[in-house]
Amino acid sequence: SLYEDIKTTYWADFEGDIARSAVKGGKVSTSGFDVWAEDYLQFRAGRYQQNHALVLGWKSDSIPKRASYTITFDSLMSLNQKDWLTLSVAAGDPSLLDEVSEDSLVNDFVIVLQDSLGNKASKLLSEYKWITPRLKIRFLKTKELTIDRYDNEWEPVLESIFIPIAGFKGIDFSAIEAISIEANTIKPGIVLLDRIGIRKSKF
């Protein structure tokens, strides 16, 4: 479910440090999220997956607002309309959101590109791919036996998603200043994000 090649450059892979507010080649700002963390991923039995990811979670709000996670680049990015935006995603752990049931989650968000003049273009992730729900596997006869042996019924499994840059309209692709992940808080959600970057159409 993960794919990369030599045409891919990552703006953020969340490795190398534990500082939430910085990524290689840029600075981070956030607002409105109830969960914002960088965490190491584990298999069911607690073994380390040798990978870190961003965790973003939001609860429903009686006054709907837009939660936002933004990477502002240190230098402007130049993109080709034939390029692909790439990111790896997975459903997160709803237990990190107090009193939120898994059935109520809407793990969908908007990806926003902004140019140096402040123009913005956005695409909804689900236009290209719905995030796969947590896959629970029971190896033993009962849930209790499975959790006692493996600690959990599920483990995070990231998927690579590719979104055509040509789908973003009305911005200057030669001067991209920032990328944002935005979530509507009408309904709750929690996601894991990793390997945010660009796959070039040519070398």
Protein backbone atom coordinates (compact mmCIF):
# COMPACT_ATOMS: atom_id res chain seq x y z
CA SER A 1 0.00 0.00 0.00
CA LEU A 2 3.07 2.28 0.09
CA TYR A 3 4.93 3.38 -3.03
CA GLU A 4 7.82 5.68 -3.81
CA ASP A 5 10.44 6.07 -6.53
CA ILE A 6 13.39 8.31 -7.36
CA LYS A 7 11.06 10.96 -8.81
CA THR A 8 9.63 11.63 -5.35
CA THR A 9 10.84 14.38 -3.00
CA TYR A 10 9.39 14.67 0.50
CA TRP A 11 8.72 18.01 2.15
CA ALA A 12 7.94 16.32 5.46
CA ASP A 13 8.58 12.76 6.62
CA PHE A 14 8.58 13.45 10.39
CA GLU A 15 11.91 11.70 10.95
CA GLY A 16 15.05 13.13 12.52
CA ASP A 17 13.59 15.06 15.48
CA ILE A 18 10.56 15.30 17.74
CA ALA A 19 9.91 19.03 17.31
CA ARG A 20 6.28 19.38 16.22
CA SER A 21 6.73 22.95 14.98
CA ALA A 22 9.48 22.29 12.42
CA VAL A 23 10.01 20.18 9.34
CA LYS A 24 13.01 20.01 7.03
CA GLY A 25 12.86 23.06 4.75
CA GLY A 26 9.95 24.79 6.46
CA LYS A 27 8.03 25.89 9.54
CA VAL A 28 4.76 24.57 10.96
CA SER A 29 1.71 26.36 12.34
CA THR A 30 -1.54 24.82 13.56
CA SER A 31 -4.93 25.82 14.91
CA GLY A 32 -8.09 24.03 15.99
CA PHE A 33 -6.82 20.45 16.41
CA ASP A 34 -7.52 18.55 19.63
CA VAL A 35 -4.66 16.14 18.89
CA TRP A 36 -1.40 17.26 17.28
CA ALA A 37 1.62 15.05 17.76
CA GLU A 38 4.48 13.25 16.07
CA ASP A 39 4.57 9.63 17.15
CA TYR A 40 6.36 6.39 16.32
CA LEU A 41 4.20 3.69 14.76
CA GLN A 42 3.89 0.27 16.34
CA PHE A 43 2.76 -3.16 15.20
CA ARG A 44 0.06 -4.98 17.18
CA ALA A 45 2.45 -6.60 19.62
CA GLY A 46 4.20 -3.31 20.37
CA ARG A 47 7.16 -3.71 18.03
CA TYR A 48 8.43 -0.46 16.49
CA GLN A 49 7.66 -0.01 12.77
CA GLN A 50 10.85 2.04 12.27
CA ASN A 51 8.71 4.97 11.20
CA HIS A 52 7.33 8.20 12.68
CA ALA A 53 4.14 9.92 11.54
CA LEU A 54 2.06 13.01 12.24
CA VAL A 55 -1.14 12.51 14.26
CA LEU A 56 -3.99 14.99 13.76
CA GLY A 57 -7.32 14.65 15.55
CA TRP A 58 -10.37 16.87 15.87
CA LYS A 59 -13.67 16.66 17.74
CA SER A 60 -17.06 17.81 16.56
CA ASP A 61 -17.92 21.36 17.53
CA SER A 62 -21.29 23.01 18.09
CA ILE A 63 -19.80 26.02 16.29
CA PRO A 64 -18.17 24.44 13.22
CA LYS A 65 -14.68 25.70 12.43
CA ARG A 66 -11.74 24.70 10.26
CA ALA A 67 -8.77 23.05 11.97
CA SER A 68 -5.55 23.72 10.09
CA TYR A 69 -2.00 22.32 9.91
CA THR A 70 0.27 24.42 7.66
CA ILE A 71 3.82 23.96 6.41
CA THR A 72 5.31 27.24 5.17
CA PHE A 73 8.39 26.59 3.05
CA ASP A 74 11.68 28.37 3.67
CA SER A 75 11.95 28.97 -0.08
CA LEU A 76 9.26 28.99 -2.76
CA MET A 77 8.47 25.69 -4.48
CA SER A 78 8.10 25.45 -8.27
CA LEU A 79 5.66 22.78 -9.44
CA ASN A 80 4.64 21.47 -12.83
CA GLN A 81 0.96 20.82 -13.52
CA LYS A 82 1.96 17.30 -14.59
CA ASP A 83 3.43 16.61 -11.14
CA TRP A 84 1.62 14.70 -8.39
CA LEU A 85 1.20 15.68 -4.76
CA THR A 86 1.85 12.62 -2.62
CA LEU A 87 1.13 11.78 1.00
CA SER A 88 0.76 8.63 3.07
CA VAL A 89 -2.33 8.34 5.28
CA ALA A 90 -4.03 5.95 7.68
CA ALA A 91 -6.93 6.03 10.11
CA GLY A 92 -5.86 6.96 13.63
CA ASP A 93 -6.78 5.68 17.08
CA PRO A 94 -10.16 7.12 18.21
CA SER A 95 -9.28 6.46 21.86
CA LEU A 96 -7.08 9.58 21.64
CA LEU A 97 -10.28 11.61 21.30
CA ASP A 98 -12.22 11.47 24.57
CA GLU A 99 -15.80 10.19 24.32
CA VAL A 100 -15.71 9.84 20.53
CA SER A 101 -16.95 6.59 19.00
CA GLU A 102 -15.26 5.07 15.98
CA ASP A 103 -18.56 4.96 14.07
CA SER A 104 -18.89 8.75 14.27
CA LEU A 105 -15.49 9.50 12.71
CA VAL A 106 -15.22 11.23 9.36
CA ASN A 107 -11.56 10.86 8.42
CA ASP A 108 -11.54 13.27 5.51
CA PHE A 109 -9.72 16.54 5.04
CA VAL A 110 -8.88 19.28 2.56
CA ILE A 111 -5.43 19.84 1.06
CA VAL A 112 -4.66 23.50 0.33
CA LEU A 113 -1.82 24.94 -1.75
CA GLN A 114 -0.98 28.63 -1.38
CA ASP A 115 1.22 30.75 -3.63
CA SER A 116 3.41 33.74 -2.74
CA LEU A 117 0.57 36.20 -3.45
CA GLY A 118 -1.77 34.47 -1.00
CA ASN A 119 -3.92 32.75 -3.63
CA LYS A 120 -5.21 29.36 -2.48
CA ALA A 121 -6.45 26.23 -4.23
CA SER A 122 -7.87 23.19 -2.47
CA LYS A 123 -8.90 19.59 -3.08
CA LEU A 124 -10.82 17.19 -0.84
CA LEU A 125 -8.89 13.99 -0.14
CA SER A 126 -11.97 11.81 -0.67
CA GLU A 127 -12.24 13.02 -4.27
CA TYR A 128 -9.30 10.69 -4.89
CA LYS A 129 -9.32 8.14 -2.07
CA TRP A 130 -11.28 7.45 1.09
CA ILE A 131 -9.07 6.58 4.03
CA THR A 132 -9.40 2.86 4.72
CA PRO A 133 -11.04 2.19 8.12
CA ARG A 134 -8.92 0.54 10.79
CA LEU A 135 -8.49 -3.12 9.86
CA LYS A 136 -9.09 -5.27 12.94
CA ILE A 137 -7.85 -8.85 12.88
CA ARG A 138 -8.63 -11.41 15.55
CA PHE A 139 -5.95 -14.13 15.48
CA LEU A 140 -7.34 -16.03 18.45
CA LYS A 141 -10.87 -17.17 19.30
CA THR A 142 -11.92 -14.11 21.32
CA LYS A 143 -11.11 -10.41 21.41
CA GLU A 144 -9.80 -10.77 24.97
CA LEU A 145 -7.33 -13.52 24.02
CA THR A 146 -6.15 -11.57 20.99
CA ILE A 147 -5.52 -8.38 22.99
CA ASP A 148 -3.84 -10.34 25.78
CA ARG A 149 -1.40 -11.86 23.27
CA TYR A 150 -1.00 -9.05 20.71
CA ASP A 151 -1.97 -5.94 22.76
CA ASN A 152 -4.41 -4.80 20.08
CA GLU A 153 -6.68 -5.97 17.25
CA TRP A 154 -5.23 -3.48 14.78
CA GLU A 155 -2.07 -1.67 13.73
CA PRO A 156 -1.63 1.46 11.61
CA VAL A 157 -1.17 0.67 7.90
CA LEU A 158 -0.26 3.69 5.76
CA GLU A 159 -1.39 4.05 2.15
CA SER A 160 0.24 6.20 -0.54
CA ILE A 161 -2.13 8.65 -2.22
CA PHE A 162 -1.28 10.65 -5.36
CA ILE A 163 -3.21 13.81 -6.27
CA PRO A 164 -2.60 15.53 -9.63
CA ILE A 165 -1.28 19.07 -9.25
CA ALA A 166 -3.40 20.03 -12.28
CA GLY A 167 -6.48 19.65 -10.07
CA PHE A 168 -5.49 22.73 -8.08
CA LYS A 169 -6.74 25.82 -9.93
CA GLY A 170 -6.07 29.56 -9.79
CA ILE A 171 -2.60 29.66 -8.22
CA ASP A 172 0.93 30.35 -9.43
CA PHE A 173 2.57 26.91 -9.55
CA SER A 174 6.02 28.48 -9.93
CA ALA A 175 5.81 30.13 -6.49
CA ILE A 176 4.18 27.78 -3.97
CA GLU A 177 4.65 29.15 -0.47
CA ALA A 178 2.72 26.73 1.77
CA ILE A 179 0.69 23.56 1.99
CA SER A 180 -2.09 23.02 4.54
CA ILE A 181 -4.17 20.14 5.83
CA GLU A 182 -7.58 21.43 6.92
CA ALA A 183 -10.43 19.57 8.60
CA ASN A 184 -14.03 20.61 9.12
CA THR A 185 -15.05 20.10 12.76
CA ILE A 186 -18.72 19.37 12.04
CA LYS A 187 -17.82 15.72 12.68
CA PRO A 188 -14.77 14.25 14.46
CA GLY A 189 -11.81 12.52 12.88
CA ILE A 190 -8.28 11.33 13.56
CA VAL A 191 -5.63 10.53 10.97
CA LEU A 192 -1.99 9.60 10.59
CA LEU A 193 0.02 11.45 7.96
CA ASP A 194 3.48 10.78 6.59
CA ARG A 195 5.72 11.45 3.56
CA ILE A 196 4.12 14.67 2.33
CA GLY A 197 5.83 15.68 -0.89
CA ILE A 198 5.86 15.84 -4.65
CA ARG A 199 6.31 13.21 -7.36
CA LYS A 200 7.79 14.82 -10.46
CA SER A 201 6.45 13.96 -13.88
CA LYS A 202 10.02 13.83 -15.19
CA PHE A 203 13.57 13.95 -13.83
